[in-house]
Amino acid sequence: MPPPVTSVPAAAPGPAGPAGQSADPPLTARQAERRRRILRAATGLAARGGYEAVQMREVAEGAEVALGTLYRYFPSKVHLLVAVMLEQLQGLQEQVRRHPPAEQDAASRVAETLTRAFHALQREPLLAEAMVRALSFADRSVSAEVDQVSSATGQLILDAIGQSGPPTESQRAAVRVIEHTWHSALVSWLSGRASIAEVRADLHTAARLLTLP
């Protein structure tokens, strides 16, 4: 995952509704800028102090928005940090599209792309811990945001493959397993149960599913 990014896609979701669902219509330019400031403030706090350091009042102060405004965009800290993770994945997607992996086979390209993410996480371990804890704490109210993170991870894998058309059913199944492996390996690494070398080996093993008939 790349260092903290500050860009938000043009189609960024609007302030969250009562159940954490994104509301239409899309953000105005002013709302998008406000959302950028909120994500930037949360990212900075998490990078410096991890999950516990992200307090909604401090995020609001750092983003220069009212606390009530912050809660309209993100009903909880979990919603906020899951959104931060989505932003990080979108930043990595852009990097992969600009600089695609050069390995010859699809499995190696996927493994190399996800390994890049882990090396970036090494530079911001407290931010990584905060995002993963938020995903672990997410309940049904955050299901839409968690689905977005899952979709972004899957698309990252497909981009690394260099997929030009819709994936086959076997590719979809392989992508799901690789995604689960990536998340599990991330948790193991953050908890000190796996080294980067072990993570890399696990990712290569999972990515080889893409070469199965």
N, C-alpha and C. Protein backbone atom coordinates (compact mmCIF):
# COMPACT_ATOMS: atom_id res chain seq x y z
N MET A 1 0.85 -1.17 0.00
CA MET A 1 0.00 0.00 0.00
C MET A 1 0.89 1.23 0.00
N PRO A 2 0.54 2.24 -0.80
CA PRO A 2 1.42 3.38 -0.93
C PRO A 2 1.40 4.27 0.28
N PRO A 3 2.35 5.22 0.38
CA PRO A 3 2.28 6.20 1.44
C PRO A 3 0.94 6.92 1.35
N PRO A 4 0.49 7.58 2.44
CA PRO A 4 -0.83 8.19 2.45
C PRO A 4 -1.07 9.05 1.23
N VAL A 5 -2.21 8.89 0.61
CA VAL A 5 -2.57 9.65 -0.56
C VAL A 5 -3.63 10.66 -0.18
N THR A 6 -3.76 11.71 -0.97
CA THR A 6 -4.70 12.75 -0.64
C THR A 6 -5.75 12.94 -1.71
N SER A 7 -5.66 12.21 -2.81
CA SER A 7 -6.63 12.38 -3.87
C SER A 7 -7.86 11.53 -3.60
N VAL A 8 -9.02 12.05 -4.03
CA VAL A 8 -10.27 11.33 -3.91
C VAL A 8 -10.87 11.24 -5.30
N PRO A 9 -11.33 10.07 -5.73
CA PRO A 9 -11.90 9.94 -7.05
C PRO A 9 -13.07 10.90 -7.26
N ALA A 10 -13.28 11.27 -8.52
CA ALA A 10 -14.35 12.22 -8.83
C ALA A 10 -15.70 11.69 -8.41
N ALA A 11 -15.86 10.38 -8.45
CA ALA A 11 -17.15 9.78 -8.10
C ALA A 11 -17.20 9.33 -6.65
N ALA A 12 -16.45 10.02 -5.79
CA ALA A 12 -16.42 9.64 -4.38
C ALA A 12 -17.82 9.67 -3.80
N PRO A 13 -18.13 8.70 -2.90
CA PRO A 13 -19.46 8.67 -2.33
C PRO A 13 -19.74 9.88 -1.47
N GLY A 14 -21.00 10.19 -1.33
CA GLY A 14 -21.40 11.33 -0.53
C GLY A 14 -21.39 10.99 0.95
N PRO A 15 -21.78 11.97 1.78
CA PRO A 15 -21.85 11.70 3.22
C PRO A 15 -22.71 10.49 3.50
N ALA A 16 -22.34 9.73 4.51
CA ALA A 16 -23.03 8.49 4.80
C ALA A 16 -24.40 8.75 5.39
N GLY A 17 -25.32 7.84 5.09
CA GLY A 17 -26.65 7.92 5.65
C GLY A 17 -26.68 7.24 7.01
N PRO A 18 -27.85 7.07 7.58
CA PRO A 18 -27.98 6.53 8.93
C PRO A 18 -27.36 5.17 9.10
N ALA A 19 -27.38 4.33 8.06
CA ALA A 19 -26.83 2.98 8.18
C ALA A 19 -25.43 2.89 7.59
N GLY A 20 -24.80 4.06 7.32
CA GLY A 20 -23.46 4.04 6.76
C GLY A 20 -23.46 3.87 5.26
N GLN A 21 -24.64 3.87 4.61
CA GLN A 21 -24.70 3.72 3.17
C GLN A 21 -24.37 5.05 2.52
N SER A 22 -23.73 5.00 1.35
CA SER A 22 -23.43 6.22 0.63
C SER A 22 -24.72 6.79 0.05
N ALA A 23 -24.82 8.11 0.07
CA ALA A 23 -26.03 8.75 -0.41
C ALA A 23 -25.76 9.42 -1.75
N ASP A 24 -26.78 9.49 -2.58
CA ASP A 24 -26.73 10.22 -3.83
C ASP A 24 -27.28 11.62 -3.56
N PRO A 25 -26.93 12.61 -4.36
CA PRO A 25 -26.05 12.54 -5.51
C PRO A 25 -24.58 12.57 -5.11
N PRO A 26 -23.66 12.44 -6.11
CA PRO A 26 -22.23 12.50 -5.79
C PRO A 26 -21.86 13.82 -5.12
N LEU A 27 -20.68 13.83 -4.54
CA LEU A 27 -20.23 15.02 -3.82
C LEU A 27 -20.07 16.22 -4.74
N THR A 28 -20.39 17.38 -4.20
CA THR A 28 -20.02 18.63 -4.86
C THR A 28 -18.52 18.85 -4.65
N ALA A 29 -17.97 19.83 -5.36
CA ALA A 29 -16.54 20.12 -5.21
C ALA A 29 -16.21 20.50 -3.77
N ARG A 30 -17.10 21.26 -3.14
CA ARG A 30 -16.86 21.68 -1.76
C ARG A 30 -16.92 20.49 -0.81
N GLN A 31 -17.88 19.60 -1.02
CA GLN A 31 -17.98 18.41 -0.18
C GLN A 31 -16.79 17.48 -0.38
N ALA A 32 -16.34 17.35 -1.63
CA ALA A 32 -15.19 16.50 -1.92
C ALA A 32 -13.94 17.01 -1.21
N GLU A 33 -13.77 18.32 -1.20
CA GLU A 33 -12.62 18.90 -0.51
C GLU A 33 -12.71 18.67 0.99
N ARG A 34 -13.91 18.81 1.53
CA ARG A 34 -14.11 18.56 2.96
C ARG A 34 -13.79 17.10 3.29
N ARG A 35 -14.24 16.18 2.43
CA ARG A 35 -13.98 14.76 2.64
C ARG A 35 -12.47 14.47 2.55
N ARG A 36 -11.80 15.12 1.61
CA ARG A 36 -10.34 14.95 1.50
C ARG A 36 -9.65 15.36 2.79
N ARG A 37 -10.07 16.50 3.35
CA ARG A 37 -9.45 16.97 4.59
C ARG A 37 -9.70 16.00 5.73
N ILE A 38 -10.89 15.44 5.79
CA ILE A 38 -11.21 14.47 6.85
C ILE A 38 -10.32 13.24 6.72
N LEU A 39 -10.22 12.69 5.52
CA LEU A 39 -9.39 11.50 5.31
C LEU A 39 -7.92 11.79 5.58
N ARG A 40 -7.48 12.97 5.17
CA ARG A 40 -6.08 13.34 5.41
C ARG A 40 -5.79 13.44 6.90
N ALA A 41 -6.71 14.05 7.65
CA ALA A 41 -6.52 14.17 9.10
C ALA A 41 -6.52 12.80 9.77
N ALA A 42 -7.44 11.93 9.38
CA ALA A 42 -7.50 10.59 9.97
C ALA A 42 -6.26 9.79 9.62
N THR A 43 -5.79 9.90 8.39
CA THR A 43 -4.60 9.17 7.97
C THR A 43 -3.38 9.61 8.78
N GLY A 44 -3.25 10.92 8.98
CA GLY A 44 -2.13 11.42 9.76
C GLY A 44 -2.15 10.95 11.20
N LEU A 45 -3.31 10.99 11.82
CA LEU A 45 -3.41 10.52 13.20
C LEU A 45 -3.10 9.03 13.31
N ALA A 46 -3.62 8.25 12.38
CA ALA A 46 -3.37 6.80 12.41
C ALA A 46 -1.90 6.49 12.16
N ALA A 47 -1.27 7.22 11.25
CA ALA A 47 0.14 6.97 10.94
C ALA A 47 1.03 7.29 12.14
N ARG A 48 0.61 8.25 12.96
CA ARG A 48 1.42 8.63 14.11
C ARG A 48 1.13 7.79 15.35
N GLY A 49 -0.11 7.32 15.50
CA GLY A 49 -0.44 6.65 16.75
C GLY A 49 -1.29 5.40 16.65
N GLY A 50 -1.61 4.95 15.45
CA GLY A 50 -2.40 3.74 15.31
C GLY A 50 -3.88 3.98 15.56
N TYR A 51 -4.59 2.89 15.74
CA TYR A 51 -6.05 2.92 15.86
C TYR A 51 -6.52 3.81 17.00
N GLU A 52 -5.92 3.68 18.16
CA GLU A 52 -6.39 4.41 19.33
C GLU A 52 -6.20 5.91 19.18
N ALA A 53 -5.25 6.32 18.35
CA ALA A 53 -4.98 7.75 18.18
C ALA A 53 -6.03 8.44 17.34
N VAL A 54 -6.83 7.70 16.63
CA VAL A 54 -7.85 8.30 15.76
C VAL A 54 -9.11 8.55 16.59
N GLN A 55 -9.21 9.75 17.13
CA GLN A 55 -10.37 10.18 17.90
C GLN A 55 -11.17 11.15 17.04
N MET A 56 -12.48 10.95 16.99
CA MET A 56 -13.30 11.72 16.06
C MET A 56 -13.18 13.23 16.29
N ARG A 57 -13.11 13.65 17.54
CA ARG A 57 -12.99 15.09 17.81
C ARG A 57 -11.68 15.64 17.25
N GLU A 58 -10.60 14.87 17.41
CA GLU A 58 -9.31 15.33 16.88
C GLU A 58 -9.31 15.32 15.36
N VAL A 59 -9.98 14.34 14.76
CA VAL A 59 -10.10 14.33 13.30
C VAL A 59 -10.83 15.57 12.82
N ALA A 60 -11.93 15.89 13.49
CA ALA A 60 -12.71 17.07 13.11
C ALA A 60 -11.86 18.34 13.23
N GLU A 61 -11.10 18.44 14.31
CA GLU A 61 -10.25 19.62 14.50
C GLU A 61 -9.18 19.68 13.41
N GLY A 62 -8.56 18.54 13.12
CA GLY A 62 -7.51 18.52 12.10
C GLY A 62 -8.04 18.83 10.71
N ALA A 63 -9.29 18.43 10.45
CA ALA A 63 -9.89 18.67 9.14
C ALA A 63 -10.60 20.02 9.06
N GLU A 64 -10.68 20.70 10.21
CA GLU A 64 -11.34 22.00 10.29
C GLU A 64 -12.81 21.90 9.88
N VAL A 65 -13.48 20.89 10.44
CA VAL A 65 -14.92 20.74 10.24
C VAL A 65 -15.57 20.56 11.61
N ALA A 66 -16.86 20.83 11.68
CA ALA A 66 -17.60 20.61 12.91
C ALA A 66 -17.71 19.11 13.18
N LEU A 67 -17.78 18.74 14.45
CA LEU A 67 -17.87 17.33 14.80
C LEU A 67 -19.14 16.71 14.19
N GLY A 68 -20.23 17.45 14.21
CA GLY A 68 -21.46 16.95 13.61
C GLY A 68 -21.32 16.72 12.11
N THR A 69 -20.56 17.58 11.45
CA THR A 69 -20.31 17.40 10.01
C THR A 69 -19.52 16.12 9.77
N LEU A 70 -18.51 15.89 10.59
CA LEU A 70 -17.71 14.67 10.45
C LEU A 70 -18.60 13.43 10.56
N TYR A 71 -19.50 13.43 11.53
CA TYR A 71 -20.36 12.26 11.72
C TYR A 71 -21.35 12.08 10.57
N ARG A 72 -21.67 13.15 9.87
CA ARG A 72 -22.54 13.00 8.69
C ARG A 72 -21.80 12.29 7.56
N TYR A 73 -20.50 12.51 7.47
CA TYR A 73 -19.70 11.83 6.45
C TYR A 73 -19.36 10.40 6.88
N PHE A 74 -18.99 10.25 8.14
CA PHE A 74 -18.54 8.96 8.66
C PHE A 74 -19.16 8.75 10.04
N PRO A 75 -20.15 7.86 10.15
CA PRO A 75 -20.88 7.69 11.42
C PRO A 75 -20.03 7.16 12.57
N SER A 76 -18.85 6.59 12.29
CA SER A 76 -18.01 6.05 13.36
C SER A 76 -16.56 6.04 12.90
N LYS A 77 -15.68 5.79 13.86
CA LYS A 77 -14.26 5.66 13.54
C LYS A 77 -14.00 4.49 12.60
N VAL A 78 -14.77 3.43 12.77
CA VAL A 78 -14.59 2.27 11.89
C VAL A 78 -14.93 2.64 10.45
N HIS A 79 -16.06 3.33 10.25
CA HIS A 79 -16.41 3.79 8.90
C HIS A 79 -15.28 4.64 8.32
N LEU A 80 -14.75 5.51 9.14
CA LEU A 80 -13.71 6.43 8.68
C LEU A 80 -12.45 5.69 8.27
N LEU A 81 -11.98 4.77 9.09
CA LEU A 81 -10.73 4.07 8.79
C LEU A 81 -10.88 3.07 7.65
N VAL A 82 -12.06 2.51 7.48
CA VAL A 82 -12.29 1.66 6.31
C VAL A 82 -12.22 2.52 5.05
N ALA A 83 -12.73 3.74 5.11
CA ALA A 83 -12.63 4.66 3.98
C ALA A 83 -11.18 5.03 3.71
N VAL A 84 -10.39 5.18 4.76
CA VAL A 84 -8.95 5.44 4.57
C VAL A 84 -8.29 4.28 3.84
N MET A 85 -8.65 3.04 4.21
CA MET A 85 -8.07 1.89 3.54
C MET A 85 -8.47 1.85 2.07
N LEU A 86 -9.73 2.17 1.79
CA LEU A 86 -10.16 2.22 0.39
C LEU A 86 -9.35 3.23 -0.38
N GLU A 87 -9.11 4.38 0.20
CA GLU A 87 -8.33 5.41 -0.47
C GLU A 87 -6.90 4.93 -0.75
N GLN A 88 -6.31 4.23 0.22
CA GLN A 88 -4.97 3.70 0.03
C GLN A 88 -4.94 2.70 -1.13
N LEU A 89 -5.93 1.83 -1.19
CA LEU A 89 -6.00 0.84 -2.27
C LEU A 89 -6.18 1.52 -3.62
N GLN A 90 -6.99 2.57 -3.66
CA GLN A 90 -7.17 3.30 -4.91
C GLN A 90 -5.88 3.96 -5.36
N GLY A 91 -5.10 4.44 -4.39
CA GLY A 91 -3.80 5.00 -4.74
C GLY A 91 -2.87 3.96 -5.31
N LEU A 92 -2.91 2.76 -4.75
CA LEU A 92 -2.08 1.67 -5.27
C LEU A 92 -2.55 1.25 -6.66
N GLN A 93 -3.86 1.24 -6.87
CA GLN A 93 -4.37 0.92 -8.20
C GLN A 93 -3.81 1.87 -9.24
N GLU A 94 -3.80 3.15 -8.92
CA GLU A 94 -3.26 4.13 -9.87
C GLU A 94 -1.78 3.87 -10.14
N GLN A 95 -1.03 3.52 -9.12
CA GLN A 95 0.39 3.22 -9.30
C GLN A 95 0.58 2.02 -10.21
N VAL A 96 -0.22 0.96 -10.00
CA VAL A 96 -0.10 -0.24 -10.82
C VAL A 96 -0.45 0.05 -12.27
N ARG A 97 -1.46 0.90 -12.47
CA ARG A 97 -1.85 1.23 -13.84
C ARG A 97 -0.80 2.06 -14.54
N ARG A 98 -0.13 2.94 -13.78
CA ARG A 98 0.94 3.74 -14.38
C ARG A 98 2.22 2.94 -14.57
N HIS A 99 2.50 2.05 -13.62
CA HIS A 99 3.73 1.25 -13.66
C HIS A 99 3.39 -0.21 -13.43
N PRO A 100 2.84 -0.87 -14.45
CA PRO A 100 2.43 -2.27 -14.26
C PRO A 100 3.62 -3.17 -13.99
N PRO A 101 3.42 -4.26 -13.24
CA PRO A 101 4.51 -5.19 -12.95
C PRO A 101 5.02 -5.81 -14.25
N ALA A 102 6.33 -6.10 -14.29
CA ALA A 102 6.96 -6.53 -15.53
C ALA A 102 7.13 -8.04 -15.64
N GLU A 103 6.74 -8.78 -14.62
CA GLU A 103 6.93 -10.23 -14.66
C GLU A 103 6.15 -10.84 -15.82
N GLN A 104 6.65 -11.96 -16.33
CA GLN A 104 6.08 -12.55 -17.54
C GLN A 104 4.72 -13.20 -17.30
N ASP A 105 4.57 -13.94 -16.20
CA ASP A 105 3.32 -14.67 -16.00
C ASP A 105 2.42 -13.94 -15.01
N ALA A 106 1.11 -14.21 -15.14
CA ALA A 106 0.11 -13.50 -14.34
C ALA A 106 0.31 -13.71 -12.85
N ALA A 107 0.61 -14.95 -12.45
CA ALA A 107 0.77 -15.25 -11.02
C ALA A 107 1.89 -14.42 -10.42
N SER A 108 3.00 -14.31 -11.10
CA SER A 108 4.13 -13.53 -10.59
C SER A 108 3.81 -12.05 -10.53
N ARG A 109 3.04 -11.56 -11.52
CA ARG A 109 2.66 -10.14 -11.50
C ARG A 109 1.77 -9.83 -10.30
N VAL A 110 0.84 -10.72 -10.02
CA VAL A 110 -0.05 -10.51 -8.87
C VAL A 110 0.74 -10.55 -7.57
N ALA A 111 1.58 -11.56 -7.42
CA ALA A 111 2.36 -11.70 -6.19
C ALA A 111 3.27 -10.49 -5.99
N GLU A 112 3.87 -10.00 -7.08
CA GLU A 112 4.77 -8.86 -6.96
C GLU A 112 4.00 -7.60 -6.59
N THR A 113 2.82 -7.42 -7.17
CA THR A 113 2.00 -6.24 -6.85
C THR A 113 1.60 -6.23 -5.38
N LEU A 114 1.14 -7.36 -4.87
CA LEU A 114 0.73 -7.41 -3.48
C LEU A 114 1.92 -7.33 -2.53
N THR A 115 3.07 -7.81 -2.97
CA THR A 115 4.28 -7.67 -2.15
C THR A 115 4.69 -6.21 -2.05
N ARG A 116 4.51 -5.47 -3.16
CA ARG A 116 4.78 -4.03 -3.12
C ARG A 116 3.94 -3.37 -2.02
N ALA A 117 2.69 -3.80 -1.94
CA ALA A 117 1.81 -3.24 -0.92
C ALA A 117 2.36 -3.49 0.48
N PHE A 118 2.86 -4.69 0.72
CA PHE A 118 3.41 -5.00 2.04
C PHE A 118 4.65 -4.17 2.34
N HIS A 119 5.50 -3.98 1.34
CA HIS A 119 6.69 -3.17 1.58
C HIS A 119 6.30 -1.73 1.92
N ALA A 120 5.25 -1.22 1.27
CA ALA A 120 4.78 0.12 1.61
C ALA A 120 4.22 0.16 3.03
N LEU A 121 3.51 -0.91 3.42
CA LEU A 121 2.97 -0.97 4.77
C LEU A 121 4.07 -0.97 5.82
N GLN A 122 5.21 -1.53 5.49
CA GLN A 122 6.34 -1.51 6.42
C GLN A 122 6.71 -0.08 6.79
N ARG A 123 6.49 0.85 5.86
CA ARG A 123 6.84 2.24 6.11
C ARG A 123 5.82 2.94 7.00
N GLU A 124 4.59 2.41 7.04
CA GLU A 124 3.53 3.00 7.85
C GLU A 124 2.82 1.92 8.67
N PRO A 125 3.55 1.24 9.57
CA PRO A 125 2.94 0.10 10.28
C PRO A 125 1.77 0.49 11.18
N LEU A 126 1.80 1.67 11.79
CA LEU A 126 0.70 2.07 12.66
C LEU A 126 -0.56 2.38 11.85
N LEU A 127 -0.38 2.96 10.67
CA LEU A 127 -1.52 3.19 9.78
C LEU A 127 -2.11 1.85 9.34
N ALA A 128 -1.25 0.91 8.98
CA ALA A 128 -1.72 -0.41 8.57
C ALA A 128 -2.50 -1.08 9.70
N GLU A 129 -1.97 -0.98 10.91
CA GLU A 129 -2.64 -1.59 12.06
C GLU A 129 -4.02 -0.97 12.27
N ALA A 130 -4.12 0.34 12.12
CA ALA A 130 -5.40 1.02 12.33
C ALA A 130 -6.42 0.58 11.29
N MET A 131 -6.01 0.48 10.04
CA MET A 131 -6.94 0.10 8.98
C MET A 131 -7.40 -1.34 9.14
N VAL A 132 -6.48 -2.23 9.47
CA VAL A 132 -6.84 -3.65 9.62
C VAL A 132 -7.74 -3.85 10.83
N ARG A 133 -7.47 -3.14 11.91
CA ARG A 133 -8.35 -3.25 13.08
C ARG A 133 -9.75 -2.76 12.75
N ALA A 134 -9.83 -1.70 11.98
CA ALA A 134 -11.15 -1.20 11.59
C ALA A 134 -11.91 -2.24 10.77
N LEU A 135 -11.23 -2.88 9.85
CA LEU A 135 -11.88 -3.93 9.06
C LEU A 135 -12.34 -5.08 9.97
N SER A 136 -11.52 -5.41 10.94
CA SER A 136 -11.87 -6.51 11.85
C SER A 136 -13.07 -6.16 12.73
N PHE A 137 -13.22 -4.88 13.08
CA PHE A 137 -14.31 -4.45 13.95
C PHE A 137 -15.59 -4.15 13.17
N ALA A 138 -15.52 -4.10 11.86
CA ALA A 138 -16.66 -3.67 11.06
C ALA A 138 -17.85 -4.62 11.23
N ASP A 139 -19.01 -4.05 11.49
CA ASP A 139 -20.23 -4.84 11.59
C ASP A 139 -21.09 -4.60 10.35
N ARG A 140 -22.35 -4.99 10.41
CA ARG A 140 -23.21 -4.88 9.23
C ARG A 140 -23.41 -3.44 8.78
N SER A 141 -23.32 -2.50 9.69
CA SER A 141 -23.52 -1.10 9.32
C SER A 141 -22.42 -0.59 8.39
N VAL A 142 -21.31 -1.31 8.35
CA VAL A 142 -20.17 -0.91 7.52
C VAL A 142 -20.03 -1.84 6.30
N SER A 143 -21.03 -2.66 6.05
CA SER A 143 -20.90 -3.67 5.01
C SER A 143 -20.68 -3.07 3.63
N ALA A 144 -21.33 -1.94 3.33
CA ALA A 144 -21.14 -1.32 2.02
C ALA A 144 -19.70 -0.87 1.83
N GLU A 145 -19.12 -0.27 2.86
CA GLU A 145 -17.74 0.21 2.78
C GLU A 145 -16.76 -0.95 2.70
N VAL A 146 -17.02 -2.01 3.47
CA VAL A 146 -16.15 -3.18 3.43
C VAL A 146 -16.22 -3.83 2.05
N ASP A 147 -17.41 -3.86 1.46
CA ASP A 147 -17.54 -4.41 0.11
C ASP A 147 -16.72 -3.59 -0.90
N GLN A 148 -16.67 -2.28 -0.70
CA GLN A 148 -15.87 -1.43 -1.59
C GLN A 148 -14.38 -1.76 -1.46
N VAL A 149 -13.93 -2.00 -0.24
CA VAL A 149 -12.52 -2.39 -0.03
C VAL A 149 -12.24 -3.73 -0.71
N SER A 150 -13.16 -4.68 -0.55
CA SER A 150 -12.99 -5.98 -1.19
C SER A 150 -12.96 -5.85 -2.70
N SER A 151 -13.85 -5.04 -3.24
CA SER A 151 -13.90 -4.83 -4.69
C SER A 151 -12.62 -4.19 -5.19
N ALA A 152 -12.10 -3.21 -4.44
CA ALA A 152 -10.86 -2.54 -4.85
C ALA A 152 -9.68 -3.50 -4.81
N THR A 153 -9.65 -4.37 -3.81
CA THR A 153 -8.57 -5.36 -3.73
C THR A 153 -8.65 -6.33 -4.91
N GLY A 154 -9.86 -6.79 -5.21
CA GLY A 154 -10.04 -7.68 -6.34
C GLY A 154 -9.65 -7.03 -7.65
N GLN A 155 -10.01 -5.75 -7.81
CA GLN A 155 -9.66 -5.05 -9.05
C GLN A 155 -8.15 -4.85 -9.15
N LEU A 156 -7.51 -4.61 -8.01
CA LEU A 156 -6.05 -4.48 -8.00
C LEU A 156 -5.40 -5.76 -8.54
N ILE A 157 -5.92 -6.90 -8.11
CA ILE A 157 -5.39 -8.18 -8.58
C ILE A 157 -5.63 -8.35 -10.07
N LEU A 158 -6.84 -8.00 -10.53
CA LEU A 158 -7.13 -8.11 -11.96
C LEU A 158 -6.26 -7.17 -12.78
N ASP A 159 -6.02 -5.97 -12.26
CA ASP A 159 -5.13 -5.03 -12.96
C ASP A 159 -3.73 -5.60 -13.07
N ALA A 160 -3.27 -6.26 -12.01
CA ALA A 160 -1.93 -6.86 -12.04
C ALA A 160 -1.86 -7.99 -13.06
N ILE A 161 -2.97 -8.74 -13.19
CA ILE A 161 -3.01 -9.80 -14.20
C ILE A 161 -2.87 -9.20 -15.60
N GLY A 162 -3.41 -7.99 -15.77
CA GLY A 162 -3.46 -7.39 -17.09
C GLY A 162 -4.68 -7.84 -17.85
N GLN A 163 -5.75 -8.11 -17.09
CA GLN A 163 -6.98 -8.64 -17.68
C GLN A 163 -7.63 -7.59 -18.59
N SER A 164 -7.85 -7.95 -19.86
CA SER A 164 -8.44 -7.00 -20.80
C SER A 164 -9.95 -7.14 -20.88
N GLY A 165 -10.47 -8.31 -20.56
CA GLY A 165 -11.91 -8.54 -20.62
C GLY A 165 -12.43 -9.02 -19.29
N PRO A 166 -13.71 -9.37 -19.23
CA PRO A 166 -14.27 -9.88 -17.98
C PRO A 166 -13.55 -11.14 -17.52
N PRO A 167 -13.30 -11.30 -16.23
CA PRO A 167 -12.62 -12.51 -15.74
C PRO A 167 -13.51 -13.73 -15.87
N THR A 168 -12.89 -14.88 -16.03
CA THR A 168 -13.64 -16.13 -16.06
C THR A 168 -14.07 -16.49 -14.64
N GLU A 169 -14.94 -17.47 -14.53
CA GLU A 169 -15.37 -17.91 -13.20
C GLU A 169 -14.21 -18.46 -12.40
N SER A 170 -13.30 -19.18 -13.05
CA SER A 170 -12.14 -19.72 -12.33
C SER A 170 -11.23 -18.59 -11.87
N GLN A 171 -11.10 -17.53 -12.68
CA GLN A 171 -10.30 -16.38 -12.25
C GLN A 171 -10.96 -15.67 -11.08
N ARG A 172 -12.27 -15.53 -11.12
CA ARG A 172 -12.97 -14.89 -10.01
C ARG A 172 -12.74 -15.66 -8.71
N ALA A 173 -12.82 -16.98 -8.80
CA ALA A 173 -12.59 -17.81 -7.61
C ALA A 173 -11.17 -17.65 -7.11
N ALA A 174 -10.20 -17.63 -8.04
CA ALA A 174 -8.79 -17.47 -7.65
C ALA A 174 -8.57 -16.11 -7.00
N VAL A 175 -9.18 -15.08 -7.56
CA VAL A 175 -9.03 -13.73 -7.01
C VAL A 175 -9.56 -13.68 -5.57
N ARG A 176 -10.69 -14.34 -5.33
CA ARG A 176 -11.24 -14.35 -3.97
C ARG A 176 -10.29 -15.02 -2.99
N VAL A 177 -9.69 -16.13 -3.39
CA VAL A 177 -8.75 -16.84 -2.51
C VAL A 177 -7.50 -15.99 -2.28
N ILE A 178 -7.01 -15.36 -3.34
CA ILE A 178 -5.82 -14.49 -3.19
C ILE A 178 -6.13 -13.33 -2.26
N GLU A 179 -7.30 -12.76 -2.42
CA GLU A 179 -7.71 -11.65 -1.55
C GLU A 179 -7.76 -12.08 -0.09
N HIS A 180 -8.34 -13.25 0.17
CA HIS A 180 -8.39 -13.76 1.55
C HIS A 180 -6.98 -14.03 2.09
N THR A 181 -6.12 -14.57 1.23
CA THR A 181 -4.74 -14.84 1.64
C THR A 181 -4.02 -13.55 1.98
N TRP A 182 -4.22 -12.53 1.17
CA TRP A 182 -3.57 -11.23 1.38
C TRP A 182 -3.99 -10.64 2.72
N HIS A 183 -5.29 -10.69 3.00
CA HIS A 183 -5.77 -10.12 4.25
C HIS A 183 -5.24 -10.92 5.44
N SER A 184 -5.28 -12.25 5.36
CA SER A 184 -4.79 -13.09 6.45
C SER A 184 -3.30 -12.87 6.68
N ALA A 185 -2.55 -12.78 5.58
CA ALA A 185 -1.11 -12.56 5.70
C ALA A 185 -0.81 -11.21 6.33
N LEU A 186 -1.63 -10.20 5.98
CA LEU A 186 -1.45 -8.87 6.56
C LEU A 186 -1.66 -8.91 8.08
N VAL A 187 -2.71 -9.60 8.51
CA VAL A 187 -2.98 -9.73 9.95
C VAL A 187 -1.83 -10.46 10.64
N SER A 188 -1.35 -11.54 10.02
CA SER A 188 -0.25 -12.31 10.62
C SER A 188 1.02 -11.48 10.73
N TRP A 189 1.29 -10.68 9.69
CA TRP A 189 2.49 -9.85 9.72
C TRP A 189 2.38 -8.77 10.80
N LEU A 190 1.22 -8.11 10.88
CA LEU A 190 1.04 -7.05 11.87
C LEU A 190 1.13 -7.57 13.30
N SER A 191 0.71 -8.82 13.50
CA SER A 191 0.76 -9.40 14.84
C SER A 191 2.11 -10.04 15.14
N GLY A 192 3.03 -9.98 14.19
CA GLY A 192 4.36 -10.53 14.41
C GLY A 192 4.47 -12.02 14.22
N ARG A 193 3.45 -12.65 13.64
CA ARG A 193 3.46 -14.09 13.46
C ARG A 193 4.03 -14.51 12.11
N ALA A 194 4.28 -13.56 11.22
CA ALA A 194 4.82 -13.89 9.90
C ALA A 194 5.79 -12.81 9.47
N SER A 195 6.85 -13.22 8.82
CA SER A 195 7.82 -12.26 8.29
C SER A 195 7.41 -11.85 6.88
N ILE A 196 8.05 -10.80 6.36
CA ILE A 196 7.77 -10.39 4.99
C ILE A 196 8.10 -11.52 4.02
N ALA A 197 9.16 -12.27 4.30
CA ALA A 197 9.53 -13.39 3.43
C ALA A 197 8.43 -14.45 3.41
N GLU A 198 7.86 -14.72 4.57
CA GLU A 198 6.77 -15.70 4.63
C GLU A 198 5.53 -15.17 3.93
N VAL A 199 5.25 -13.89 4.10
CA VAL A 199 4.12 -13.28 3.41
C VAL A 199 4.30 -13.40 1.90
N ARG A 200 5.48 -13.08 1.43
CA ARG A 200 5.75 -13.16 -0.01
C ARG A 200 5.55 -14.58 -0.52
N ALA A 201 6.03 -15.57 0.22
CA ALA A 201 5.88 -16.97 -0.19
C ALA A 201 4.41 -17.36 -0.25
N ASP A 202 3.63 -16.93 0.76
CA ASP A 202 2.21 -17.25 0.77
C ASP A 202 1.48 -16.61 -0.42
N LEU A 203 1.83 -15.37 -0.73
CA LEU A 203 1.19 -14.69 -1.86
C LEU A 203 1.53 -15.38 -3.18
N HIS A 204 2.77 -15.81 -3.34
CA HIS A 204 3.15 -16.53 -4.56
C HIS A 204 2.40 -17.85 -4.66
N THR A 205 2.24 -18.53 -3.53
CA THR A 205 1.51 -19.80 -3.55
C THR A 205 0.06 -19.58 -3.96
N ALA A 206 -0.59 -18.59 -3.35
CA ALA A 206 -1.99 -18.31 -3.69
C ALA A 206 -2.13 -17.85 -5.13
N ALA A 207 -1.21 -17.02 -5.60
CA ALA A 207 -1.30 -16.47 -6.96
C ALA A 207 -1.20 -17.57 -8.01
N ARG A 208 -0.54 -18.66 -7.69
CA ARG A 208 -0.42 -19.76 -8.67
C ARG A 208 -1.77 -20.38 -9.00
N LEU A 209 -2.79 -20.10 -8.21
CA LEU A 209 -4.14 -20.56 -8.55
C LEU A 209 -4.59 -20.02 -9.88
N LEU A 210 -4.04 -18.87 -10.27
CA LEU A 210 -4.43 -18.25 -11.53
C LEU A 210 -3.98 -19.06 -12.73
N THR A 211 -3.00 -19.95 -12.53
CA THR A 211 -2.48 -20.73 -13.65
C THR A 211 -3.16 -22.09 -13.76
N LEU A 212 -4.05 -22.41 -12.80
CA LEU A 212 -4.73 -23.70 -12.86
C LEU A 212 -5.82 -23.68 -13.92
N PRO A 213 -6.08 -24.81 -14.57
CA PRO A 213 -7.12 -24.84 -15.62
C PRO A 213 -8.51 -24.61 -15.03
